[in-house]
Amino acid sequence: MTTLLKAPEVAERLKISIKTVRKWTCEKKIPYIKIGSSVRFREDDIEAWLISHYKEAIS
């Protein structure tokens, strides 16, 4: 079973603000799940999302 993260944990891992995590959630830019009225993020989904959005710098 994968670990479920809260918005502050995702913000810390991505080095962004909690406000940005919540904004991206509302805009459906980042994968999340709803459990009742709570929003959680699967650790595996966040890792896959990061990899899919990785862009190499052009040298």
N, C-alpha and C. Protein backbone atom coordinates (compact mmCIF):
# COMPACT_ATOMS: atom_id res chain seq x y z
N MET A 1 0.84 -1.19 0.00
CA MET A 1 0.00 0.00 0.00
C MET A 1 0.89 1.25 0.00
N THR A 2 0.50 2.21 -0.77
CA THR A 2 1.28 3.44 -0.90
C THR A 2 0.95 4.41 0.25
N THR A 3 1.86 5.31 0.51
CA THR A 3 1.69 6.31 1.55
C THR A 3 0.83 7.46 1.02
N LEU A 4 -0.09 7.92 1.86
CA LEU A 4 -0.91 9.08 1.52
C LEU A 4 -0.32 10.30 2.21
N LEU A 5 -0.17 11.36 1.43
CA LEU A 5 0.41 12.60 1.94
C LEU A 5 -0.64 13.69 2.03
N LYS A 6 -0.44 14.61 2.96
CA LYS A 6 -1.29 15.80 3.06
C LYS A 6 -0.62 16.93 2.29
N ALA A 7 -1.38 17.99 2.02
CA ALA A 7 -0.87 19.13 1.24
C ALA A 7 0.44 19.69 1.80
N PRO A 8 0.58 19.88 3.11
CA PRO A 8 1.85 20.42 3.62
C PRO A 8 3.05 19.50 3.34
N GLU A 9 2.83 18.20 3.35
CA GLU A 9 3.91 17.25 3.06
C GLU A 9 4.32 17.32 1.59
N VAL A 10 3.33 17.45 0.72
CA VAL A 10 3.62 17.58 -0.71
C VAL A 10 4.37 18.89 -0.97
N ALA A 11 3.91 19.95 -0.35
CA ALA A 11 4.57 21.26 -0.51
C ALA A 11 6.02 21.18 -0.07
N GLU A 12 6.29 20.53 1.04
CA GLU A 12 7.65 20.41 1.53
C GLU A 12 8.52 19.60 0.56
N ARG A 13 7.99 18.50 0.05
CA ARG A 13 8.75 17.66 -0.88
C ARG A 13 9.04 18.37 -2.19
N LEU A 14 8.09 19.17 -2.67
CA LEU A 14 8.25 19.87 -3.95
C LEU A 14 8.92 21.24 -3.79
N LYS A 15 9.12 21.64 -2.55
CA LYS A 15 9.72 22.96 -2.25
C LYS A 15 8.90 24.10 -2.83
N ILE A 16 7.58 23.99 -2.62
CA ILE A 16 6.64 25.03 -3.04
C ILE A 16 5.72 25.34 -1.86
N SER A 17 4.89 26.35 -1.99
CA SER A 17 4.00 26.72 -0.89
C SER A 17 2.77 25.80 -0.86
N ILE A 18 2.17 25.73 0.30
CA ILE A 18 0.94 24.96 0.45
C ILE A 18 -0.15 25.57 -0.43
N LYS A 19 -0.15 26.89 -0.54
CA LYS A 19 -1.11 27.59 -1.38
C LYS A 19 -1.01 27.11 -2.83
N THR A 20 0.21 26.91 -3.32
CA THR A 20 0.41 26.44 -4.69
C THR A 20 -0.12 25.01 -4.85
N VAL A 21 0.14 24.16 -3.86
CA VAL A 21 -0.38 22.79 -3.91
C VAL A 21 -1.90 22.81 -3.99
N ARG A 22 -2.53 23.63 -3.18
CA ARG A 22 -4.00 23.71 -3.18
C ARG A 22 -4.52 24.27 -4.50
N LYS A 23 -3.82 25.27 -5.04
CA LYS A 23 -4.22 25.86 -6.33
C LYS A 23 -4.13 24.81 -7.43
N TRP A 24 -2.99 24.08 -7.49
CA TRP A 24 -2.82 23.04 -8.50
C TRP A 24 -3.86 21.94 -8.34
N THR A 25 -4.26 21.65 -7.10
CA THR A 25 -5.30 20.65 -6.87
C THR A 25 -6.63 21.13 -7.45
N CYS A 26 -6.99 22.36 -7.18
CA CYS A 26 -8.24 22.93 -7.71
C CYS A 26 -8.23 22.96 -9.23
N GLU A 27 -7.07 23.21 -9.81
CA GLU A 27 -6.94 23.27 -11.27
C GLU A 27 -6.68 21.90 -11.89
N LYS A 28 -6.64 20.85 -11.04
CA LYS A 28 -6.40 19.47 -11.48
C LYS A 28 -5.07 19.32 -12.23
N LYS A 29 -4.06 20.05 -11.78
CA LYS A 29 -2.73 19.98 -12.39
C LYS A 29 -1.86 18.93 -11.71
N ILE A 30 -2.26 18.49 -10.53
CA ILE A 30 -1.47 17.54 -9.75
C ILE A 30 -2.42 16.40 -9.33
N PRO A 31 -1.94 15.15 -9.35
CA PRO A 31 -2.83 14.04 -9.00
C PRO A 31 -3.17 14.02 -7.51
N TYR A 32 -4.44 13.78 -7.20
CA TYR A 32 -4.88 13.72 -5.80
C TYR A 32 -6.08 12.79 -5.71
N ILE A 33 -6.43 12.44 -4.48
CA ILE A 33 -7.64 11.65 -4.25
C ILE A 33 -8.44 12.33 -3.15
N LYS A 34 -9.73 12.15 -3.19
CA LYS A 34 -10.62 12.68 -2.16
C LYS A 34 -11.07 11.52 -1.28
N ILE A 35 -10.96 11.70 0.02
CA ILE A 35 -11.48 10.75 0.99
C ILE A 35 -12.46 11.54 1.84
N GLY A 36 -13.73 11.38 1.53
CA GLY A 36 -14.73 12.24 2.17
C GLY A 36 -14.49 13.66 1.72
N SER A 37 -14.27 14.55 2.68
CA SER A 37 -13.98 15.94 2.33
C SER A 37 -12.48 16.24 2.37
N SER A 38 -11.68 15.22 2.67
CA SER A 38 -10.23 15.40 2.76
C SER A 38 -9.55 15.14 1.42
N VAL A 39 -8.51 15.89 1.14
CA VAL A 39 -7.70 15.69 -0.06
C VAL A 39 -6.38 15.07 0.36
N ARG A 40 -6.01 13.99 -0.32
CA ARG A 40 -4.74 13.32 -0.04
C ARG A 40 -4.02 13.07 -1.36
N PHE A 41 -2.73 12.88 -1.27
CA PHE A 41 -1.88 12.67 -2.43
C PHE A 41 -1.13 11.36 -2.25
N ARG A 42 -1.24 10.47 -3.22
CA ARG A 42 -0.49 9.22 -3.15
C ARG A 42 0.97 9.52 -3.48
N GLU A 43 1.85 9.06 -2.63
CA GLU A 43 3.27 9.31 -2.81
C GLU A 43 3.75 8.82 -4.18
N ASP A 44 3.31 7.64 -4.59
CA ASP A 44 3.69 7.09 -5.90
C ASP A 44 3.22 7.98 -7.05
N ASP A 45 2.01 8.51 -6.93
CA ASP A 45 1.46 9.39 -7.98
C ASP A 45 2.26 10.68 -8.09
N ILE A 46 2.66 11.23 -6.95
CA ILE A 46 3.44 12.47 -6.95
C ILE A 46 4.81 12.24 -7.59
N GLU A 47 5.44 11.12 -7.25
CA GLU A 47 6.74 10.79 -7.85
C GLU A 47 6.62 10.62 -9.37
N ALA A 48 5.59 9.91 -9.82
CA ALA A 48 5.38 9.71 -11.26
C ALA A 48 5.07 11.04 -11.94
N TRP A 49 4.30 11.88 -11.30
CA TRP A 49 3.96 13.20 -11.84
C TRP A 49 5.22 14.04 -12.01
N LEU A 50 6.10 14.00 -11.00
CA LEU A 50 7.36 14.75 -11.08
C LEU A 50 8.20 14.29 -12.26
N ILE A 51 8.32 12.99 -12.42
CA ILE A 51 9.11 12.43 -13.52
C ILE A 51 8.52 12.84 -14.86
N SER A 52 7.19 12.82 -14.98
CA SER A 52 6.55 13.16 -16.24
C SER A 52 6.69 14.65 -16.59
N HIS A 53 6.93 15.48 -15.59
CA HIS A 53 7.08 16.91 -15.81
C HIS A 53 8.53 17.37 -15.81
N TYR A 54 9.45 16.44 -15.76
CA TYR A 54 10.88 16.76 -15.76
C TYR A 54 11.30 17.21 -17.14
N LYS A 55 12.01 18.31 -17.22
CA LYS A 55 12.53 18.80 -18.50
C LYS A 55 14.01 19.08 -18.31
N GLU A 56 14.81 18.53 -19.21
CA GLU A 56 16.25 18.78 -19.14
C GLU A 56 16.57 20.17 -19.65
N ALA A 57 17.56 20.76 -19.04
CA ALA A 57 18.02 22.07 -19.49
C ALA A 57 18.74 21.89 -20.83
N ILE A 58 18.53 22.83 -21.71
CA ILE A 58 19.18 22.78 -23.01
C ILE A 58 20.57 23.37 -22.86
N SER A 59 21.56 22.60 -23.23
CA SER A 59 22.96 23.08 -23.09
C SER A 59 23.43 23.76 -24.35
